[in-house]
């Protein structure tokens, strides 16, 4: 979903809770990774890998000049022969420490193995964020251990994939504005025009 489509979607959602909710969650994400210079770990389940969100966060990191947003995608089926950015397995969660952020994206309650790894990461000092669909927040064990939660309830107007688009776009927008001058404004305007007219970059 490109910037124009995100803008149109936001127009449609004006007056709903989704714009504020996704921006708050995105703000929590930025507030966790930027002061520590990155350290964002992104993980789903064996059945649902959030590779699309990973790609969008990489894009937003580049476009916003905020490299800290670029995540390490943790994959349950990672193999040593995979490309480097796809070869990080669940063992990486065991090494999570204070100053790192673990973003868990799941359509359902994770299994016991992942929950245990998330619990260990939190106990080691990592910040845990939960973005998921399904049950209400109080009914999911994952949300009980997360520092920040965004839930897409069953029957909501949006699905989990669409909410991820809104979160990634908002994360890229929450940068501290640079000092404004005429040349800097022209540079930013030119860069925006390039982004809106360029072909989509290669995906993961």
Foldseek 3Di string as FASTA:
>chain_A
DAPVVLVVVVVVCPPHCLLVQLLVLLVVVLVLQQVLVAQEEEEEAQVDFVQVLLQLQCVLCVLLVNVNSRYQGEHCPADPPDPPSRRHYLVVLLVAAASHEYEYEYADAYDPVVLVSVVNNVVRHYAYEYEYEEDDLVVHPSSVSHPYYDYHYPPHPDDSVVSSVSNSVSNSVPDDDDDDDDVVVVVSVVSVVCRVPPDDDDGD
